[in-house]
């Protein structure tokens, strides 16, 4: 299964639909870089790896844009610490 990341600019968040539900990461843009203050998965998706799949897709998008991320959300920060392959994308 391929996850398709949606950049919902109207709501300033990245979204990933999984099993009919949406896991999302709110963001604010600072120039070309992103600040991520909040990541959330619906209760039914918690513990399934859904938020991790979202973060993987977000970071791949950020890398493709040549941008950096400032993770204010504790989940996003912890995920990035566990994935040093994206260390160069952290502001």
PDB file of N, CA and C in Angstrom:
ATOM      1  N   UNK A   1       0.839  -1.178   0.000  1.00  0.00           N
ATOM      2  CA  UNK A   1       0.000   0.000   0.000  1.00  0.00           C
ATOM      3  C   UNK A   1       0.883   1.241   0.000  1.00  0.00           C
ATOM      4  N   UNK A   2       0.571   2.213  -0.840  1.00  0.00           N
ATOM      5  CA  UNK A   2       1.315   3.448  -0.909  1.00  0.00           C
ATOM      6  C   UNK A   2       0.516   4.540  -0.221  1.00  0.00           C
ATOM      7  N   UNK A   3       1.160   5.214   0.712  1.00  0.00           N
ATOM      8  CA  UNK A   3       0.520   6.321   1.404  1.00  0.00           C
ATOM      9  C   UNK A   3       0.683   7.580   0.550  1.00  0.00           C
ATOM     10  N   UNK A   4      -0.386   8.338   0.435  1.00  0.00           N
ATOM     11  CA  UNK A   4      -0.332   9.589  -0.307  1.00  0.00           C
ATOM     12  C   UNK A   4      -0.485  10.740   0.671  1.00  0.00           C
ATOM     13  N   UNK A   5       0.573  11.514   0.803  1.00  0.00           N
ATOM     14  CA  UNK A   5       0.579  12.666   1.693  1.00  0.00           C
ATOM     15  C   UNK A   5      -0.150  13.818   1.016  1.00  0.00           C
ATOM     16  N   UNK A   6      -1.059  14.437   1.751  1.00  0.00           N
ATOM     17  CA  UNK A   6      -1.796  15.600   1.267  1.00  0.00           C
ATOM     18  C   UNK A   6      -1.306  16.818   2.037  1.00  0.00           C
ATOM     19  N   UNK A   7      -0.924  17.867   1.311  1.00  0.00           N
ATOM     20  CA  UNK A   7      -0.580  19.136   1.941  1.00  0.00           C
ATOM     21  C   UNK A   7      -1.844  19.989   1.908  1.00  0.00           C
ATOM     22  N   UNK A   8      -2.586  19.970   3.005  1.00  0.00           N
ATOM     23  CA  UNK A   8      -3.831  20.725   3.104  1.00  0.00           C
ATOM     24  C   UNK A   8      -3.470  22.141   3.552  1.00  0.00           C
ATOM     25  N   UNK A   9      -3.107  22.961   2.585  1.00  0.00           N
ATOM     26  CA  UNK A   9      -2.648  24.323   2.891  1.00  0.00           C
ATOM     27  C   UNK A   9      -3.745  25.166   3.516  1.00  0.00           C
ATOM     28  N   UNK A  10      -4.998  24.917   3.185  1.00  0.00           N
ATOM     29  CA  UNK A  10      -6.106  25.680   3.773  1.00  0.00           C
ATOM     30  C   UNK A  10      -6.172  25.480   5.289  1.00  0.00           C
ATOM     31  N   UNK A  11      -5.788  24.288   5.746  1.00  0.00           N
ATOM     32  CA  UNK A  11      -5.800  23.987   7.181  1.00  0.00           C
ATOM     33  C   UNK A  11      -4.398  23.977   7.784  1.00  0.00           C
ATOM     34  N   UNK A  12      -3.388  24.289   6.977  1.00  0.00           N
ATOM     35  CA  UNK A  12      -1.982  24.302   7.409  1.00  0.00           C
ATOM     36  C   UNK A  12      -1.608  22.990   8.089  1.00  0.00           C
ATOM     37  N   UNK A  13      -1.849  21.899   7.366  1.00  0.00           N
ATOM     38  CA  UNK A  13      -1.476  20.604   7.915  1.00  0.00           C
ATOM     39  C   UNK A  13      -1.257  19.594   6.799  1.00  0.00           C
ATOM     40  N   UNK A  14      -0.376  18.642   7.105  1.00  0.00           N
ATOM     41  CA  UNK A  14      -0.189  17.481   6.240  1.00  0.00           C
ATOM     42  C   UNK A  14      -1.134  16.404   6.728  1.00  0.00           C
ATOM     43  N   UNK A  15      -1.728  15.680   5.786  1.00  0.00           N
ATOM     44  CA  UNK A  15      -2.701  14.649   6.135  1.00  0.00           C
ATOM     45  C   UNK A  15      -2.368  13.350   5.422  1.00  0.00           C
ATOM     46  N   UNK A  16      -2.679  12.263   6.094  1.00  0.00           N
ATOM     47  CA  UNK A  16      -2.531  10.933   5.533  1.00  0.00           C
ATOM     48  C   UNK A  16      -3.782  10.157   5.917  1.00  0.00           C
ATOM     49  N   UNK A  17      -4.519   9.688   4.908  1.00  0.00           N
ATOM     50  CA  UNK A  17      -5.726   8.906   5.184  1.00  0.00           C
ATOM     51  C   UNK A  17      -5.352   7.433   5.278  1.00  0.00           C
ATOM     52  N   UNK A  18      -5.756   6.827   6.390  1.00  0.00           N
ATOM     53  CA  UNK A  18      -5.484   5.414   6.636  1.00  0.00           C
ATOM     54  C   UNK A  18      -6.774   4.784   7.142  1.00  0.00           C
ATOM     55  N   UNK A  19      -7.232   3.761   6.452  1.00  0.00           N
ATOM     56  CA  UNK A  19      -8.462   3.059   6.857  1.00  0.00           C
ATOM     57  C   UNK A  19      -9.625   4.018   7.070  1.00  0.00           C
ATOM     58  N   UNK A  20      -9.750   5.019   6.199  1.00  0.00           N
ATOM     59  CA  UNK A  20     -10.865   5.947   6.263  1.00  0.00           C
ATOM     60  C   UNK A  20     -10.741   7.026   7.331  1.00  0.00           C
ATOM     61  N   UNK A  21      -9.611   7.071   8.030  1.00  0.00           N
ATOM     62  CA  UNK A  21      -9.393   8.088   9.053  1.00  0.00           C
ATOM     63  C   UNK A  21      -8.146   8.887   8.694  1.00  0.00           C
ATOM     64  N   UNK A  22      -8.042  10.086   9.267  1.00  0.00           N
ATOM     65  CA  UNK A  22      -6.946  10.977   8.900  1.00  0.00           C
ATOM     66  C   UNK A  22      -6.020  11.213  10.087  1.00  0.00           C
ATOM     67  N   UNK A  23      -4.748  10.930   9.860  1.00  0.00           N
ATOM     68  CA  UNK A  23      -3.688  11.304  10.805  1.00  0.00           C
ATOM     69  C   UNK A  23      -3.060  12.561  10.214  1.00  0.00           C
ATOM     70  N   UNK A  24      -2.714  13.541  11.071  1.00  0.00           N
ATOM     71  CA  UNK A  24      -2.252  14.812  10.528  1.00  0.00           C
ATOM     72  C   UNK A  24      -1.149  15.440  11.375  1.00  0.00           C
ATOM     73  N   UNK A  25      -0.413  16.330  10.713  1.00  0.00           N
ATOM     74  CA  UNK A  25       0.622  17.140  11.368  1.00  0.00           C
ATOM     75  C   UNK A  25       0.347  18.592  11.015  1.00  0.00           C
ATOM     76  N   UNK A  26      -0.009  19.380  12.027  1.00  0.00           N
ATOM     77  CA  UNK A  26      -0.173  20.821  11.813  1.00  0.00           C
ATOM     78  C   UNK A  26       1.197  21.422  11.533  1.00  0.00           C
ATOM     79  N   UNK A  27       1.225  22.487  10.751  1.00  0.00           N
ATOM     80  CA  UNK A  27       2.495  23.165  10.509  1.00  0.00           C
ATOM     81  C   UNK A  27       2.277  24.661  10.339  1.00  0.00           C
ATOM     82  N   UNK A  28       3.359  25.383  10.517  1.00  0.00           N
ATOM     83  CA  UNK A  28       3.432  26.808  10.183  1.00  0.00           C
ATOM     84  C   UNK A  28       4.666  26.953   9.305  1.00  0.00           C
ATOM     85  N   UNK A  29       4.543  27.752   8.298  1.00  0.00           N
ATOM     86  CA  UNK A  29       5.691  27.996   7.422  1.00  0.00           C
ATOM     87  C   UNK A  29       6.457  29.223   7.901  1.00  0.00           C
ATOM     88  N   UNK A  30       7.775  29.089   7.902  1.00  0.00           N
ATOM     89  CA  UNK A  30       8.675  30.205   8.191  1.00  0.00           C
ATOM     90  C   UNK A  30       9.634  30.231   7.009  1.00  0.00           C
ATOM     91  N   UNK A  31       9.308  31.086   6.045  1.00  0.00           N
ATOM     92  CA  UNK A  31      10.041  31.051   4.787  1.00  0.00           C
ATOM     93  C   UNK A  31       9.730  29.726   4.101  1.00  0.00           C
ATOM     94  N   UNK A  32      10.776  28.991   3.751  1.00  0.00           N
ATOM     95  CA  UNK A  32      10.558  27.681   3.144  1.00  0.00           C
ATOM     96  C   UNK A  32      10.532  26.564   4.190  1.00  0.00           C
ATOM     97  N   UNK A  33      10.908  26.898   5.425  1.00  0.00           N
ATOM     98  CA  UNK A  33      10.969  25.885   6.481  1.00  0.00           C
ATOM     99  C   UNK A  33       9.627  25.721   7.192  1.00  0.00           C
ATOM    100  N   UNK A  34       9.488  24.587   7.892  1.00  0.00           N
ATOM    101  CA  UNK A  34       8.243  24.261   8.582  1.00  0.00           C
ATOM    102  C   UNK A  34       8.452  24.127  10.077  1.00  0.00           C
ATOM    103  N   UNK A  35       7.492  24.611  10.819  1.00  0.00           N
ATOM    104  CA  UNK A  35       7.427  24.386  12.262  1.00  0.00           C
ATOM    105  C   UNK A  35       6.262  23.428  12.460  1.00  0.00           C
ATOM    106  N   UNK A  36       6.509  22.319  13.172  1.00  0.00           N
ATOM    107  CA  UNK A  36       5.457  21.332  13.424  1.00  0.00           C
ATOM    108  C   UNK A  36       5.101  21.372  14.910  1.00  0.00           C
ATOM    109  N   UNK A  37       3.972  22.042  15.251  1.00  0.00           N
ATOM    110  CA  UNK A  37       3.579  22.138  16.656  1.00  0.00           C
ATOM    111  C   UNK A  37       2.726  20.975  17.153  1.00  0.00           C
ATOM    112  N   UNK A  38       2.161  20.172  16.224  1.00  0.00           N
ATOM    113  CA  UNK A  38       1.219  19.147  16.673  1.00  0.00           C
ATOM    114  C   UNK A  38       1.089  18.036  15.644  1.00  0.00           C
ATOM    115  N   UNK A  39       1.130  16.792  16.116  1.00  0.00           N
ATOM    116  CA  UNK A  39       0.852  15.608  15.293  1.00  0.00           C
ATOM    117  C   UNK A  39      -0.235  14.841  16.016  1.00  0.00           C
ATOM    118  N   UNK A  40      -1.239  14.383  15.260  1.00  0.00           N
ATOM    119  CA  UNK A  40      -2.341  13.664  15.905  1.00  0.00           C
ATOM    120  C   UNK A  40      -2.851  12.522  15.044  1.00  0.00           C
ATOM    121  N   UNK A  41      -3.135  11.413  15.709  1.00  0.00           N
ATOM    122  CA  UNK A  41      -3.770  10.268  15.070  1.00  0.00           C
ATOM    123  C   UNK A  41      -5.091  10.018  15.792  1.00  0.00           C
ATOM    124  N   UNK A  42      -6.135   9.653  15.066  1.00  0.00           N
ATOM    125  CA  UNK A  42      -7.393   9.308  15.716  1.00  0.00           C
ATOM    126  C   UNK A  42      -7.167   8.136  16.678  1.00  0.00           C
ATOM    127  N   UNK A  43      -7.959   8.038  17.748  1.00  0.00           N
ATOM    128  CA  UNK A  43      -7.768   6.955  18.725  1.00  0.00           C
ATOM    129  C   UNK A  43      -7.650   5.563  18.108  1.00  0.00           C
ATOM    130  N   UNK A  44      -8.435   5.283  17.074  1.00  0.00           N
ATOM    131  CA  UNK A  44      -8.401   3.950  16.464  1.00  0.00           C
ATOM    132  C   UNK A  44      -7.083   3.650  15.764  1.00  0.00           C
ATOM    133  N   UNK A  45      -6.326   4.686  15.407  1.00  0.00           N
ATOM    134  CA  UNK A  45      -5.049   4.485  14.707  1.00  0.00           C
ATOM    135  C   UNK A  45      -3.842   4.564  15.628  1.00  0.00           C
ATOM    136  N   UNK A  46      -4.049   4.957  16.865  1.00  0.00           N
ATOM    137  CA  UNK A  46      -2.916   5.076  17.788  1.00  0.00           C
ATOM    138  C   UNK A  46      -2.322   3.698  18.068  1.00  0.00           C
ATOM    139  N   UNK A  47      -1.012   3.653  18.055  1.00  0.00           N
ATOM    140  CA  UNK A  47      -0.318   2.390  18.288  1.00  0.00           C
ATOM    141  C   UNK A  47      -0.193   1.516  17.057  1.00  0.00           C
ATOM    142  N   UNK A  48      -0.646   2.007  15.909  1.00  0.00           N
ATOM    143  CA  UNK A  48      -0.581   1.213  14.676  1.00  0.00           C
ATOM    144  C   UNK A  48       0.570   1.614  13.767  1.00  0.00           C
ATOM    145  N   UNK A  49       1.299   2.651  14.147  1.00  0.00           N
ATOM    146  CA  UNK A  49       2.369   3.158  13.303  1.00  0.00           C
ATOM    147  C   UNK A  49       1.907   4.222  12.324  1.00  0.00           C
ATOM    148  N   UNK A  50       0.648   4.628  12.418  1.00  0.00           N
ATOM    149  CA  UNK A  50       0.097   5.609  11.480  1.00  0.00           C
ATOM    150  C   UNK A  50       0.824   6.947  11.570  1.00  0.00           C
ATOM    151  N   UNK A  51       1.073   7.432  12.776  1.00  0.00           N
ATOM    152  CA  UNK A  51       1.760   8.717  12.929  1.00  0.00           C
ATOM    153  C   UNK A  51       3.194   8.617  12.410  1.00  0.00           C
ATOM    154  N   UNK A  52       3.821   7.482  12.585  1.00  0.00           N
ATOM    155  CA  UNK A  52       5.161   7.279  12.048  1.00  0.00           C
ATOM    156  C   UNK A  52       5.170   7.291  10.530  1.00  0.00           C
ATOM    157  N   UNK A  53       4.168   6.681   9.916  1.00  0.00           N
ATOM    158  CA  UNK A  53       4.055   6.712   8.455  1.00  0.00           C
ATOM    159  C   UNK A  53       3.855   8.142   7.972  1.00  0.00           C
ATOM    160  N   UNK A  54       3.058   8.907   8.716  1.00  0.00           N
ATOM    161  CA  UNK A  54       2.856  10.312   8.384  1.00  0.00           C
ATOM    162  C   UNK A  54       4.178  11.068   8.456  1.00  0.00           C
ATOM    163  N   UNK A  55       4.903  10.915   9.564  1.00  0.00           N
ATOM    164  CA  UNK A  55       6.173  11.623   9.732  1.00  0.00           C
ATOM    165  C   UNK A  55       7.172  11.243   8.641  1.00  0.00           C
ATOM    166  N   UNK A  56       7.228   9.988   8.278  1.00  0.00           N
ATOM    167  CA  UNK A  56       8.114   9.533   7.199  1.00  0.00           C
ATOM    168  C   UNK A  56       7.772  10.278   5.909  1.00  0.00           C
ATOM    169  N   UNK A  57       6.489  10.343   5.584  1.00  0.00           N
ATOM    170  CA  UNK A  57       6.057  11.014   4.359  1.00  0.00           C
ATOM    171  C   UNK A  57       6.333  12.517   4.427  1.00  0.00           C
ATOM    172  N   UNK A  58       6.080  13.135   5.581  1.00  0.00           N
ATOM    173  CA  UNK A  58       6.351  14.564   5.750  1.00  0.00           C
ATOM    174  C   UNK A  58       7.832  14.837   5.539  1.00  0.00           C
ATOM    175  N   UNK A  59       8.683  14.055   6.162  1.00  0.00           N
ATOM    176  CA  UNK A  59      10.118  14.305   6.057  1.00  0.00           C
ATOM    177  C   UNK A  59      10.633  14.053   4.646  1.00  0.00           C
ATOM    178  N   UNK A  60      10.073  13.091   3.934  1.00  0.00           N
ATOM    179  CA  UNK A  60      10.460  12.883   2.548  1.00  0.00           C
ATOM    180  C   UNK A  60      10.057  14.093   1.700  1.00  0.00           C
ATOM    181  N   UNK A  61       8.880  14.650   1.980  1.00  0.00           N
ATOM    182  CA  UNK A  61       8.423  15.848   1.271  1.00  0.00           C
ATOM    183  C   UNK A  61       9.330  17.040   1.591  1.00  0.00           C
ATOM    184  N   UNK A  62       9.650  17.203   2.857  1.00  0.00           N
ATOM    185  CA  UNK A  62      10.522  18.303   3.289  1.00  0.00           C
ATOM    186  C   UNK A  62      11.882  18.193   2.592  1.00  0.00           C
ATOM    187  N   UNK A  63      12.415  16.991   2.546  1.00  0.00           N
ATOM    188  CA  UNK A  63      13.711  16.785   1.877  1.00  0.00           C
ATOM    189  C   UNK A  63      13.607  17.139   0.395  1.00  0.00           C
ATOM    190  N   UNK A  64      12.534  16.715  -0.252  1.00  0.00           N
ATOM    191  CA  UNK A  64      12.357  17.006  -1.679  1.00  0.00           C
ATOM    192  C   UNK A  64      12.273  18.513  -1.937  1.00  0.00           C
ATOM    193  N   UNK A  65      11.726  19.258  -0.977  1.00  0.00           N
ATOM    194  CA  UNK A  65      11.610  20.711  -1.108  1.00  0.00           C
ATOM    195  C   UNK A  65      12.895  21.432  -0.718  1.00  0.00           C
ATOM    196  N   UNK A  66      13.841  20.711  -0.110  1.00  0.00           N
ATOM    197  CA  UNK A  66      15.069  21.341   0.360  1.00  0.00           C
ATOM    198  C   UNK A  66      14.840  22.206   1.590  1.00  0.00           C
ATOM    199  N   UNK A  67      13.794  21.872   2.352  1.00  0.00           N
ATOM    200  CA  UNK A  67      13.422  22.656   3.530  1.00  0.00           C
ATOM    201  C   UNK A  67      13.942  21.982   4.799  1.00  0.00           C
ATOM    202  N   UNK A  68      13.677  22.627   5.920  1.00  0.00           N
ATOM    203  CA  UNK A  68      14.032  22.098   7.242  1.00  0.00           C
ATOM    204  C   UNK A  68      12.787  22.134   8.111  1.00  0.00           C
ATOM    205  N   UNK A  69      12.820  21.348   9.193  1.00  0.00           N
ATOM    206  CA  UNK A  69      11.687  21.246  10.116  1.00  0.00           C
ATOM    207  C   UNK A  69      12.145  21.609  11.523  1.00  0.00           C
ATOM    208  N   UNK A  70      11.299  22.359  12.213  1.00  0.00           N
ATOM    209  CA  UNK A  70      11.474  22.603  13.643  1.00  0.00           C
ATOM    210  C   UNK A  70      10.344  21.862  14.338  1.00  0.00           C
ATOM    211  N   UNK A  71      10.643  20.751  15.026  1.00  0.00           N
ATOM    212  CA  UNK A  71       9.588  19.968  15.675  1.00  0.00           C
ATOM    213  C   UNK A  71       9.294  20.489  17.085  1.00  0.00           C
ATOM    214  N   UNK A  72       8.172  21.168  17.257  1.00  0.00           N
ATOM    215  CA  UNK A  72       7.752  21.603  18.589  1.00  0.00           C
ATOM    216  C   UNK A  72       6.949  20.508  19.285  1.00  0.00           C
ATOM    217  N   UNK A  73       6.283  19.683  18.504  1.00  0.00           N
ATOM    218  CA  UNK A  73       5.497  18.565  19.027  1.00  0.00           C
ATOM    219  C   UNK A  73       6.442  17.507  19.599  1.00  0.00           C
ATOM    220  N   UNK A  74       6.135  17.028  20.795  1.00  0.00           N
ATOM    221  CA  UNK A  74       7.006  16.030  21.424  1.00  0.00           C
ATOM    222  C   UNK A  74       7.065  14.740  20.609  1.00  0.00           C
ATOM    223  N   UNK A  75       5.954  14.346  19.985  1.00  0.00           N
ATOM    224  CA  UNK A  75       5.979  13.135  19.153  1.00  0.00           C
ATOM    225  C   UNK A  75       6.912  13.338  17.957  1.00  0.00           C
ATOM    226  N   UNK A  76       6.761  14.466  17.259  1.00  0.00           N
ATOM    227  CA  UNK A  76       7.598  14.725  16.081  1.00  0.00           C
ATOM    228  C   UNK A  76       9.076  14.762  16.467  1.00  0.00           C
ATOM    229  N   UNK A  77       9.384  15.410  17.584  1.00  0.00           N
ATOM    230  CA  UNK A  77      10.777  15.488  18.038  1.00  0.00           C
ATOM    231  C   UNK A  77      11.325  14.096  18.362  1.00  0.00           C
ATOM    232  N   UNK A  78      10.527  13.280  19.058  1.00  0.00           N
ATOM    233  CA  UNK A  78      10.967  11.924  19.409  1.00  0.00           C
ATOM    234  C   UNK A  78      11.137  11.073  18.156  1.00  0.00           C
ATOM    235  N   UNK A  79      10.231  11.201  17.204  1.00  0.00           N
ATOM    236  CA  UNK A  79      10.325  10.431  15.966  1.00  0.00           C
ATOM    237  C   UNK A  79      11.614  10.797  15.237  1.00  0.00           C
ATOM    238  N   UNK A  80      11.914  12.080  15.185  1.00  0.00           N
ATOM    239  CA  UNK A  80      13.131  12.518  14.497  1.00  0.00           C
ATOM    240  C   UNK A  80      14.393  12.030  15.205  1.00  0.00           C
ATOM    241  N   UNK A  81      14.382  11.960  16.525  1.00  0.00           N
ATOM    242  CA  UNK A  81      15.540  11.413  17.245  1.00  0.00           C
ATOM    243  C   UNK A  81      15.743   9.936  16.897  1.00  0.00           C
ATOM    244  N   UNK A  82      14.654   9.210  16.646  1.00  0.00           N
ATOM    245  CA  UNK A  82      14.750   7.785  16.303  1.00  0.00           C
ATOM    246  C   UNK A  82      15.095   7.561  14.825  1.00  0.00           C
ATOM    247  N   UNK A  83      15.100   8.622  14.034  1.00  0.00           N
ATOM    248  CA  UNK A  83      15.370   8.508  12.599  1.00  0.00           C
ATOM    249  C   UNK A  83      16.484   9.480  12.190  1.00  0.00           C
ATOM    250  N   UNK A  84      17.711   9.134  12.553  1.00  0.00           N
ATOM    251  CA  UNK A  84      18.832  10.036  12.279  1.00  0.00           C
ATOM    252  C   UNK A  84      19.073  10.283  10.778  1.00  0.00           C
ATOM    253  N   UNK A  85      18.473   9.478   9.932  1.00  0.00           N
ATOM    254  CA  UNK A  85      18.632   9.699   8.487  1.00  0.00           C
ATOM    255  C   UNK A  85      18.022  11.039   8.058  1.00  0.00           C
ATOM    256  N   UNK A  86      17.200  11.632   8.916  1.00  0.00           N
ATOM    257  CA  UNK A  86      16.612  12.937   8.619  1.00  0.00           C
ATOM    258  C   UNK A  86      17.230  14.066   9.450  1.00  0.00           C
ATOM    259  N   UNK A  87      18.320  13.803  10.150  1.00  0.00           N
ATOM    260  CA  UNK A  87      18.948  14.811  11.015  1.00  0.00           C
ATOM    261  C   UNK A  87      19.316  16.075  10.252  1.00  0.00           C
ATOM    262  N   UNK A  88      19.694  15.932   8.989  1.00  0.00           N
ATOM    263  CA  UNK A  88      20.070  17.098   8.203  1.00  0.00           C
ATOM    264  C   UNK A  88      18.872  17.970   7.835  1.00  0.00           C
ATOM    265  N   UNK A  89      17.661  17.480   8.075  1.00  0.00           N
ATOM    266  CA  UNK A  89      16.449  18.248   7.754  1.00  0.00           C
ATOM    267  C   UNK A  89      15.880  18.964   8.985  1.00  0.00           C
ATOM    268  N   UNK A  90      16.517  18.800  10.127  1.00  0.00           N
ATOM    269  CA  UNK A  90      16.031  19.441  11.351  1.00  0.00           C
ATOM    270  C   UNK A  90      16.719  20.797  11.513  1.00  0.00           C
ATOM    271  N   UNK A  91      15.874  21.818  11.699  1.00  0.00           N
ATOM    272  CA  UNK A  91      16.417  23.188  11.859  1.00  0.00           C
ATOM    273  C   UNK A  91      16.981  23.353  13.259  1.00  0.00           C
TER     274      UNK A  91
END
